Amino acid sequence: MKKSDITKEIAKRRGISQRKARIIVDQIFQAMAEALTRGEKVEIRGLGTFKIKKKPSRFVKDPRTGVEIFVKERYVPTFKMGKLIKNHLNSKGR
């Protein structure tokens, strides 16, 4: 499902224009991105939790050449699935 699909679904379910639904979706995603940038976690009950993890700098091996490469420290987003989705995905009705 793409962002445009989410927008269409919200517009259809709420009986609003796709333009209004797009604005709502954009604002939600913007608020989530800003919270993650500030180092906060974003928890959506039933869906899951988004967090930012700090990956330390390290040396890794290039699999093709075997040469060691230095990788700088970086931040990566992580997602932990909520119980509701986990149960739905693992239900027999799937």
PDB file of N, CA and C in Angstrom:
ATOM      1  N   MET A   1       0.839  -1.173   0.000  1.00  0.00           N
ATOM      2  CA  MET A   1       0.000   0.000   0.000  1.00  0.00           C
ATOM      3  C   MET A   1       0.885   1.238   0.000  1.00  0.00           C
ATOM      4  N   LYS A   2       0.594   2.134  -0.904  1.00  0.00           N
ATOM      5  CA  LYS A   2       1.354   3.374  -1.022  1.00  0.00           C
ATOM      6  C   LYS A   2       0.625   4.502  -0.301  1.00  0.00           C
ATOM      7  N   LYS A   3       1.322   5.618  -0.145  1.00  0.00           N
ATOM      8  CA  LYS A   3       0.740   6.791   0.507  1.00  0.00           C
ATOM      9  C   LYS A   3      -0.535   7.231  -0.215  1.00  0.00           C
ATOM     10  N   SER A   4      -0.534   7.186  -1.534  1.00  0.00           N
ATOM     11  CA  SER A   4      -1.723   7.585  -2.294  1.00  0.00           C
ATOM     12  C   SER A   4      -2.894   6.634  -2.024  1.00  0.00           C
ATOM     13  N   ASP A   5      -2.604   5.352  -1.806  1.00  0.00           N
ATOM     14  CA  ASP A   5      -3.657   4.386  -1.480  1.00  0.00           C
ATOM     15  C   ASP A   5      -4.262   4.692  -0.111  1.00  0.00           C
ATOM     16  N   ILE A   6      -3.416   5.063   0.840  1.00  0.00           N
ATOM     17  CA  ILE A   6      -3.899   5.433   2.174  1.00  0.00           C
ATOM     18  C   ILE A   6      -4.795   6.658   2.070  1.00  0.00           C
ATOM     19  N   THR A   7      -4.359   7.639   1.289  1.00  0.00           N
ATOM     20  CA  THR A   7      -5.140   8.862   1.095  1.00  0.00           C
ATOM     21  C   THR A   7      -6.514   8.546   0.508  1.00  0.00           C
ATOM     22  N   LYS A   8      -6.552   7.721  -0.519  1.00  0.00           N
ATOM     23  CA  LYS A   8      -7.824   7.353  -1.150  1.00  0.00           C
ATOM     24  C   LYS A   8      -8.733   6.625  -0.172  1.00  0.00           C
ATOM     25  N   GLU A   9      -8.160   5.733   0.613  1.00  0.00           N
ATOM     26  CA  GLU A   9      -8.945   4.953   1.577  1.00  0.00           C
ATOM     27  C   GLU A   9      -9.545   5.860   2.654  1.00  0.00           C
ATOM     28  N   ILE A  10      -8.767   6.802   3.163  1.00  0.00           N
ATOM     29  CA  ILE A  10      -9.274   7.738   4.174  1.00  0.00           C
ATOM     30  C   ILE A  10     -10.382   8.609   3.581  1.00  0.00           C
ATOM     31  N   ALA A  11     -10.165   9.096   2.372  1.00  0.00           N
ATOM     32  CA  ALA A  11     -11.176   9.938   1.711  1.00  0.00           C
ATOM     33  C   ALA A  11     -12.488   9.170   1.554  1.00  0.00           C
ATOM     34  N   LYS A  12     -12.389   7.924   1.140  1.00  0.00           N
ATOM     35  CA  LYS A  12     -13.576   7.099   0.924  1.00  0.00           C
ATOM     36  C   LYS A  12     -14.291   6.806   2.245  1.00  0.00           C
ATOM     37  N   ARG A  13     -13.521   6.410   3.267  1.00  0.00           N
ATOM     38  CA  ARG A  13     -14.128   6.044   4.555  1.00  0.00           C
ATOM     39  C   ARG A  13     -14.727   7.229   5.298  1.00  0.00           C
ATOM     40  N   ARG A  14     -14.109   8.399   5.180  1.00  0.00           N
ATOM     41  CA  ARG A  14     -14.572   9.573   5.933  1.00  0.00           C
ATOM     42  C   ARG A  14     -15.486  10.475   5.113  1.00  0.00           C
ATOM     43  N   GLY A  15     -15.609  10.201   3.816  1.00  0.00           N
ATOM     44  CA  GLY A  15     -16.474  11.014   2.969  1.00  0.00           C
ATOM     45  C   GLY A  15     -15.944  12.418   2.751  1.00  0.00           C
ATOM     46  N   ILE A  16     -14.612  12.515   2.628  1.00  0.00           N
ATOM     47  CA  ILE A  16     -13.985  13.817   2.385  1.00  0.00           C
ATOM     48  C   ILE A  16     -13.255  13.761   1.047  1.00  0.00           C
ATOM     49  N   SER A  17     -12.820  14.925   0.584  1.00  0.00           N
ATOM     50  CA  SER A  17     -12.112  14.962  -0.696  1.00  0.00           C
ATOM     51  C   SER A  17     -10.717  14.342  -0.535  1.00  0.00           C
ATOM     52  N   GLN A  18     -10.175  13.866  -1.642  1.00  0.00           N
ATOM     53  CA  GLN A  18      -8.826  13.292  -1.610  1.00  0.00           C
ATOM     54  C   GLN A  18      -7.802  14.358  -1.257  1.00  0.00           C
ATOM     55  N   ARG A  19      -8.067  15.593  -1.623  1.00  0.00           N
ATOM     56  CA  ARG A  19      -7.152  16.700  -1.301  1.00  0.00           C
ATOM     57  C   ARG A  19      -7.060  16.875   0.213  1.00  0.00           C
ATOM     58  N   LYS A  20      -8.205  16.879   0.897  1.00  0.00           N
ATOM     59  CA  LYS A  20      -8.222  17.016   2.356  1.00  0.00           C
ATOM     60  C   LYS A  20      -7.559  15.805   3.011  1.00  0.00           C
ATOM     61  N   ALA A  21      -7.850  14.632   2.491  1.00  0.00           N
ATOM     62  CA  ALA A  21      -7.253  13.411   3.039  1.00  0.00           C
ATOM     63  C   ALA A  21      -5.738  13.431   2.861  1.00  0.00           C
ATOM     64  N   ARG A  22      -5.262  13.928   1.714  1.00  0.00           N
ATOM     65  CA  ARG A  22      -3.812  14.011   1.465  1.00  0.00           C
ATOM     66  C   ARG A  22      -3.147  14.952   2.461  1.00  0.00           C
ATOM     67  N   ILE A  23      -3.808  16.074   2.750  1.00  0.00           N
ATOM     68  CA  ILE A  23      -3.275  17.028   3.722  1.00  0.00           C
ATOM     69  C   ILE A  23      -3.168  16.378   5.096  1.00  0.00           C
ATOM     70  N   ILE A  24      -4.186  15.638   5.483  1.00  0.00           N
ATOM     71  CA  ILE A  24      -4.181  14.951   6.781  1.00  0.00           C
ATOM     72  C   ILE A  24      -3.045  13.934   6.851  1.00  0.00           C
ATOM     73  N   VAL A  25      -2.930  13.107   5.821  1.00  0.00           N
ATOM     74  CA  VAL A  25      -1.878  12.083   5.793  1.00  0.00           C
ATOM     75  C   VAL A  25      -0.498  12.729   5.818  1.00  0.00           C
ATOM     76  N   ASP A  26      -0.305  13.784   5.026  1.00  0.00           N
ATOM     77  CA  ASP A  26       0.975  14.497   5.018  1.00  0.00           C
ATOM     78  C   ASP A  26       1.318  15.049   6.392  1.00  0.00           C
ATOM     79  N   GLN A  27       0.332  15.620   7.082  1.00  0.00           N
ATOM     80  CA  GLN A  27       0.575  16.179   8.405  1.00  0.00           C
ATOM     81  C   GLN A  27       0.925  15.094   9.424  1.00  0.00           C
ATOM     82  N   ILE A  28       0.266  13.960   9.334  1.00  0.00           N
ATOM     83  CA  ILE A  28       0.575  12.842  10.240  1.00  0.00           C
ATOM     84  C   ILE A  28       2.007  12.372  10.012  1.00  0.00           C
ATOM     85  N   PHE A  29       2.368  12.146   8.758  1.00  0.00           N
ATOM     86  CA  PHE A  29       3.723  11.671   8.458  1.00  0.00           C
ATOM     87  C   PHE A  29       4.782  12.708   8.845  1.00  0.00           C
ATOM     88  N   GLN A  30       4.475  13.984   8.638  1.00  0.00           N
ATOM     89  CA  GLN A  30       5.408  15.054   9.006  1.00  0.00           C
ATOM     90  C   GLN A  30       5.618  15.071  10.517  1.00  0.00           C
ATOM     91  N   ALA A  31       4.537  14.939  11.280  1.00  0.00           N
ATOM     92  CA  ALA A  31       4.642  14.928  12.742  1.00  0.00           C
ATOM     93  C   ALA A  31       5.461  13.724  13.216  1.00  0.00           C
ATOM     94  N   MET A  32       5.265  12.580  12.576  1.00  0.00           N
ATOM     95  CA  MET A  32       6.033  11.380  12.931  1.00  0.00           C
ATOM     96  C   MET A  32       7.520  11.584  12.629  1.00  0.00           C
ATOM     97  N   ALA A  33       7.820  12.125  11.455  1.00  0.00           N
ATOM     98  CA  ALA A  33       9.212  12.350  11.060  1.00  0.00           C
ATOM     99  C   ALA A  33       9.890  13.342  11.999  1.00  0.00           C
ATOM    100  N   GLU A  34       9.188  14.389  12.378  1.00  0.00           N
ATOM    101  CA  GLU A  34       9.763  15.382  13.289  1.00  0.00           C
ATOM    102  C   GLU A  34      10.035  14.778  14.663  1.00  0.00           C
ATOM    103  N   ALA A  35       9.112  13.958  15.159  1.00  0.00           N
ATOM    104  CA  ALA A  35       9.304  13.308  16.458  1.00  0.00           C
ATOM    105  C   ALA A  35      10.520  12.376  16.415  1.00  0.00           C
ATOM    106  N   LEU A  36      10.664  11.610  15.355  1.00  0.00           N
ATOM    107  CA  LEU A  36      11.806  10.701  15.225  1.00  0.00           C
ATOM    108  C   LEU A  36      13.110  11.485  15.126  1.00  0.00           C
ATOM    109  N   THR A  37      13.083  12.615  14.434  1.00  0.00           N
ATOM    110  CA  THR A  37      14.268  13.464  14.310  1.00  0.00           C
ATOM    111  C   THR A  37      14.700  14.007  15.670  1.00  0.00           C
ATOM    112  N   ARG A  38      13.728  14.284  16.537  1.00  0.00           N
ATOM    113  CA  ARG A  38      14.030  14.759  17.888  1.00  0.00           C
ATOM    114  C   ARG A  38      14.478  13.631  18.815  1.00  0.00           C
ATOM    115  N   GLY A  39      14.462  12.395  18.314  1.00  0.00           N
ATOM    116  CA  GLY A  39      14.886  11.254  19.126  1.00  0.00           C
ATOM    117  C   GLY A  39      13.761  10.603  19.902  1.00  0.00           C
ATOM    118  N   GLU A  40      12.530  11.018  19.653  1.00  0.00           N
ATOM    119  CA  GLU A  40      11.376  10.437  20.327  1.00  0.00           C
ATOM    120  C   GLU A  40      10.931   9.178  19.594  1.00  0.00           C
ATOM    121  N   LYS A  41      10.261   8.283  20.324  1.00  0.00           N
ATOM    122  CA  LYS A  41       9.680   7.126  19.647  1.00  0.00           C
ATOM    123  C   LYS A  41       8.243   7.464  19.294  1.00  0.00           C
ATOM    124  N   VAL A  42       7.750   6.848  18.242  1.00  0.00           N
ATOM    125  CA  VAL A  42       6.379   7.058  17.792  1.00  0.00           C
ATOM    126  C   VAL A  42       5.654   5.734  17.972  1.00  0.00           C
ATOM    127  N   GLU A  43       4.700   5.732  18.896  1.00  0.00           N
ATOM    128  CA  GLU A  43       3.951   4.509  19.195  1.00  0.00           C
ATOM    129  C   GLU A  43       2.518   4.680  18.747  1.00  0.00           C
ATOM    130  N   ILE A  44       2.076   3.785  17.877  1.00  0.00           N
ATOM    131  CA  ILE A  44       0.698   3.784  17.413  1.00  0.00           C
ATOM    132  C   ILE A  44       0.084   2.473  17.883  1.00  0.00           C
ATOM    133  N   ARG A  45      -0.773   2.569  18.883  1.00  0.00           N
ATOM    134  CA  ARG A  45      -1.371   1.374  19.479  1.00  0.00           C
ATOM    135  C   ARG A  45      -2.021   0.515  18.405  1.00  0.00           C
ATOM    136  N   GLY A  46      -1.737  -0.767  18.464  1.00  0.00           N
ATOM    137  CA  GLY A  46      -2.295  -1.706  17.508  1.00  0.00           C
ATOM    138  C   GLY A  46      -1.433  -1.869  16.259  1.00  0.00           C
ATOM    139  N   LEU A  47      -0.679  -0.835  15.904  1.00  0.00           N
ATOM    140  CA  LEU A  47       0.178  -0.916  14.718  1.00  0.00           C
ATOM    141  C   LEU A  47       1.589  -1.293  15.109  1.00  0.00           C
ATOM    142  N   GLY A  48       2.211  -0.462  15.949  1.00  0.00           N
ATOM    143  CA  GLY A  48       3.571  -0.750  16.373  1.00  0.00           C
ATOM    144  C   GLY A  48       4.309   0.505  16.780  1.00  0.00           C
ATOM    145  N   THR A  49       5.622   0.363  16.953  1.00  0.00           N
ATOM    146  CA  THR A  49       6.459   1.456  17.434  1.00  0.00           C
ATOM    147  C   THR A  49       7.605   1.706  16.473  1.00  0.00           C
ATOM    148  N   PHE A  50       7.783   2.979  16.125  1.00  0.00           N
ATOM    149  CA  PHE A  50       8.910   3.420  15.317  1.00  0.00           C
ATOM    150  C   PHE A  50       9.929   4.049  16.256  1.00  0.00           C
ATOM    151  N   LYS A  51      11.196   3.695  16.105  1.00  0.00           N
ATOM    152  CA  LYS A  51      12.265   4.290  16.907  1.00  0.00           C
ATOM    153  C   LYS A  51      13.478   4.510  16.020  1.00  0.00           C
ATOM    154  N   ILE A  52      14.386   5.344  16.507  1.00  0.00           N
ATOM    155  CA  ILE A  52      15.654   5.565  15.824  1.00  0.00           C
ATOM    156  C   ILE A  52      16.740   4.899  16.655  1.00  0.00           C
ATOM    157  N   LYS A  53      17.562   4.095  16.010  1.00  0.00           N
ATOM    158  CA  LYS A  53      18.684   3.437  16.678  1.00  0.00           C
ATOM    159  C   LYS A  53      19.988   4.020  16.168  1.00  0.00           C
ATOM    160  N   LYS A  54      20.929   4.159  17.067  1.00  0.00           N
ATOM    161  CA  LYS A  54      22.255   4.653  16.692  1.00  0.00           C
ATOM    162  C   LYS A  54      23.146   3.457  16.389  1.00  0.00           C
ATOM    163  N   LYS A  55      23.686   3.433  15.192  1.00  0.00           N
ATOM    164  CA  LYS A  55      24.626   2.382  14.796  1.00  0.00           C
ATOM    165  C   LYS A  55      26.034   2.947  14.946  1.00  0.00           C
ATOM    166  N   PRO A  56      26.882   2.301  15.726  1.00  0.00           N
ATOM    167  CA  PRO A  56      28.233   2.836  15.926  1.00  0.00           C
ATOM    168  C   PRO A  56      29.090   2.716  14.661  1.00  0.00           C
ATOM    169  N   SER A  57      30.135   3.529  14.608  1.00  0.00           N
ATOM    170  CA  SER A  57      31.059   3.416  13.484  1.00  0.00           C
ATOM    171  C   SER A  57      31.798   2.084  13.606  1.00  0.00           C
ATOM    172  N   ARG A  58      32.181   1.534  12.466  1.00  0.00           N
ATOM    173  CA  ARG A  58      32.835   0.219  12.486  1.00  0.00           C
ATOM    174  C   ARG A  58      33.512  -0.045  11.144  1.00  0.00           C
ATOM    175  N   PHE A  59      34.304  -1.096  11.154  1.00  0.00           N
ATOM    176  CA  PHE A  59      34.921  -1.564   9.914  1.00  0.00           C
ATOM    177  C   PHE A  59      34.123  -2.760   9.416  1.00  0.00           C
ATOM    178  N   VAL A  60      33.840  -2.765   8.118  1.00  0.00           N
ATOM    179  CA  VAL A  60      33.128  -3.880   7.493  1.00  0.00           C
ATOM    180  C   VAL A  60      33.937  -4.344   6.287  1.00  0.00           C
ATOM    181  N   LYS A  61      33.694  -5.576   5.880  1.00  0.00           N
ATOM    182  CA  LYS A  61      34.383  -6.117   4.710  1.00  0.00           C
ATOM    183  C   LYS A  61      33.497  -6.026   3.488  1.00  0.00           C
ATOM    184  N   ASP A  62      34.052  -5.517   2.395  1.00  0.00           N
ATOM    185  CA  ASP A  62      33.353  -5.502   1.117  1.00  0.00           C
ATOM    186  C   ASP A  62      33.287  -6.956   0.648  1.00  0.00           C
ATOM    187  N   PRO A  63      32.090  -7.518   0.460  1.00  0.00           N
ATOM    188  CA  PRO A  63      31.984  -8.931   0.092  1.00  0.00           C
ATOM    189  C   PRO A  63      32.603  -9.276  -1.264  1.00  0.00           C
ATOM    190  N   ARG A  64      32.643  -8.301  -2.176  1.00  0.00           N
ATOM    191  CA  ARG A  64      33.211  -8.581  -3.492  1.00  0.00           C
ATOM    192  C   ARG A  64      34.732  -8.591  -3.484  1.00  0.00           C
ATOM    193  N   THR A  65      35.323  -7.614  -2.779  1.00  0.00           N
ATOM    194  CA  THR A  65      36.779  -7.473  -2.840  1.00  0.00           C
ATOM    195  C   THR A  65      37.487  -7.967  -1.581  1.00  0.00           C
ATOM    196  N   GLY A  66      36.749  -8.058  -0.459  1.00  0.00           N
ATOM    197  CA  GLY A  66      37.364  -8.473   0.794  1.00  0.00           C
ATOM    198  C   GLY A  66      38.107  -7.345   1.496  1.00  0.00           C
ATOM    199  N   VAL A  67      38.063  -6.140   0.931  1.00  0.00           N
ATOM    200  CA  VAL A  67      38.748  -4.992   1.512  1.00  0.00           C
ATOM    201  C   VAL A  67      37.914  -4.436   2.669  1.00  0.00           C
ATOM    202  N   GLU A  68      38.601  -4.081   3.768  1.00  0.00           N
ATOM    203  CA  GLU A  68      37.892  -3.492   4.899  1.00  0.00           C
ATOM    204  C   GLU A  68      37.584  -2.024   4.623  1.00  0.00           C
ATOM    205  N   ILE A  69      36.359  -1.623   4.958  1.00  0.00           N
ATOM    206  CA  ILE A  69      35.891  -0.263   4.733  1.00  0.00           C
ATOM    207  C   ILE A  69      35.395   0.294   6.066  1.00  0.00           C
ATOM    208  N   PHE A  70      35.702   1.563   6.324  1.00  0.00           N
ATOM    209  CA  PHE A  70      35.218   2.210   7.533  1.00  0.00           C
ATOM    210  C   PHE A  70      33.842   2.813   7.263  1.00  0.00           C
ATOM    211  N   VAL A  71      32.870   2.493   8.126  1.00  0.00           N
ATOM    212  CA  VAL A  71      31.518   3.027   8.010  1.00  0.00           C
ATOM    213  C   VAL A  71      31.290   3.947   9.207  1.00  0.00           C
ATOM    214  N   LYS A  72      30.927   5.198   8.925  1.00  0.00           N
ATOM    215  CA  LYS A  72      30.691   6.177   9.989  1.00  0.00           C
ATOM    216  C   LYS A  72      29.465   5.803  10.812  1.00  0.00           C
ATOM    217  N   GLU A  73      29.405   6.366  12.026  1.00  0.00           N
ATOM    218  CA  GLU A  73      28.230   6.168  12.865  1.00  0.00           C
ATOM    219  C   GLU A  73      27.023   6.768  12.152  1.00  0.00           C
ATOM    220  N   ARG A  74      25.878   6.120  12.349  1.00  0.00           N
ATOM    221  CA  ARG A  74      24.674   6.594  11.674  1.00  0.00           C
ATOM    222  C   ARG A  74      23.444   6.230  12.485  1.00  0.00           C
ATOM    223  N   TYR A  75      22.336   6.820  12.118  1.00  0.00           N
ATOM    224  CA  TYR A  75      21.065   6.551  12.773  1.00  0.00           C
ATOM    225  C   TYR A  75      20.147   5.862  11.767  1.00  0.00           C
ATOM    226  N   VAL A  76      19.461   4.821  12.232  1.00  0.00           N
ATOM    227  CA  VAL A  76      18.571   4.078  11.347  1.00  0.00           C
ATOM    228  C   VAL A  76      17.196   3.934  12.006  1.00  0.00           C
ATOM    229  N   PRO A  77      16.133   4.012  11.208  1.00  0.00           N
ATOM    230  CA  PRO A  77      14.797   3.820  11.764  1.00  0.00           C
ATOM    231  C   PRO A  77      14.514   2.333  11.963  1.00  0.00           C
ATOM    232  N   THR A  78      13.789   2.013  13.026  1.00  0.00           N
ATOM    233  CA  THR A  78      13.377   0.634  13.270  1.00  0.00           C
ATOM    234  C   THR A  78      11.874   0.618  13.520  1.00  0.00           C
ATOM    235  N   PHE A  79      11.261  -0.509  13.275  1.00  0.00           N
ATOM    236  CA  PHE A  79       9.828  -0.673  13.509  1.00  0.00           C
ATOM    237  C   PHE A  79       9.599  -1.987  14.219  1.00  0.00           C
ATOM    238  N   LYS A  80       8.874  -1.938  15.332  1.00  0.00           N
ATOM    239  CA  LYS A  80       8.490  -3.154  16.042  1.00  0.00           C
ATOM    240  C   LYS A  80       6.978  -3.289  15.915  1.00  0.00           C
ATOM    241  N   MET A  81       6.556  -4.385  15.339  1.00  0.00           N
ATOM    242  CA  MET A  81       5.157  -4.636  15.070  1.00  0.00           C
ATOM    243  C   MET A  81       4.369  -4.811  16.367  1.00  0.00           C
ATOM    244  N   GLY A  82       3.158  -4.274  16.410  1.00  0.00           N
ATOM    245  CA  GLY A  82       2.270  -4.422  17.555  1.00  0.00           C
ATOM    246  C   GLY A  82       1.586  -5.781  17.556  1.00  0.00           C
ATOM    247  N   LYS A  83       1.040  -6.135  18.708  1.00  0.00           N
ATOM    248  CA  LYS A  83       0.391  -7.447  18.863  1.00  0.00           C
ATOM    249  C   LYS A  83      -0.799  -7.629  17.925  1.00  0.00           C
ATOM    250  N   LEU A  84      -1.580  -6.571  17.744  1.00  0.00           N
ATOM    251  CA  LEU A  84      -2.769  -6.666  16.899  1.00  0.00           C
ATOM    252  C   LEU A  84      -2.406  -7.082  15.476  1.00  0.00           C
ATOM    253  N   ILE A  85      -1.402  -6.435  14.904  1.00  0.00           N
ATOM    254  CA  ILE A  85      -0.980  -6.775  13.539  1.00  0.00           C
ATOM    255  C   ILE A  85      -0.336  -8.158  13.508  1.00  0.00           C
ATOM    256  N   LYS A  86       0.501  -8.432  14.499  1.00  0.00           N
ATOM    257  CA  LYS A  86       1.172  -9.733  14.560  1.00  0.00           C
ATOM    258  C   LYS A  86       0.141 -10.861  14.606  1.00  0.00           C
ATOM    259  N   ASN A  87      -0.883 -10.692  15.441  1.00  0.00           N
ATOM    260  CA  ASN A  87      -1.934 -11.706  15.533  1.00  0.00           C
ATOM    261  C   ASN A  87      -2.713 -11.813  14.234  1.00  0.00           C
ATOM    262  N   HIS A  88      -2.998 -10.679  13.604  1.00  0.00           N
ATOM    263  CA  HIS A  88      -3.738 -10.689  12.347  1.00  0.00           C
ATOM    264  C   HIS A  88      -2.939 -11.388  11.247  1.00  0.00           C
ATOM    265  N   LEU A  89      -1.642 -11.118  11.180  1.00  0.00           N
ATOM    266  CA  LEU A  89      -0.795 -11.730  10.151  1.00  0.00           C
ATOM    267  C   LEU A  89      -0.651 -13.231  10.349  1.00  0.00           C
ATOM    268  N   ASN A  90      -0.670 -13.651  11.597  1.00  0.00           N
ATOM    269  CA  ASN A  90      -0.459 -15.060  11.897  1.00  0.00           C
ATOM    270  C   ASN A  90      -1.761 -15.832  12.111  1.00  0.00           C
ATOM    271  N   SER A  91      -2.901 -15.195  11.839  1.00  0.00           N
ATOM    272  CA  SER A  91      -4.190 -15.878  12.003  1.00  0.00           C
ATOM    273  C   SER A  91      -4.385 -16.873  10.858  1.00  0.00           C
ATOM    274  N   LYS A  92      -5.241 -17.838  11.091  1.00  0.00           N
ATOM    275  CA  LYS A  92      -5.473 -18.882  10.090  1.00  0.00           C
ATOM    276  C   LYS A  92      -6.272 -18.371   8.906  1.00  0.00           C
ATOM    277  N   GLY A  93      -6.970 -17.240   9.078  1.00  0.00           N
ATOM    278  CA  GLY A  93      -7.800 -16.703   7.996  1.00  0.00           C
ATOM    279  C   GLY A  93      -6.998 -16.062   6.886  1.00  0.00           C
ATOM    280  N   ARG A  94      -5.719 -15.970   7.043  1.00  0.00           N
ATOM    281  CA  ARG A  94      -4.871 -15.304   6.057  1.00  0.00           C
ATOM    282  C   ARG A  94      -4.570 -16.170   4.884  1.00  0.00           C
TER     283      ARG A  94
END
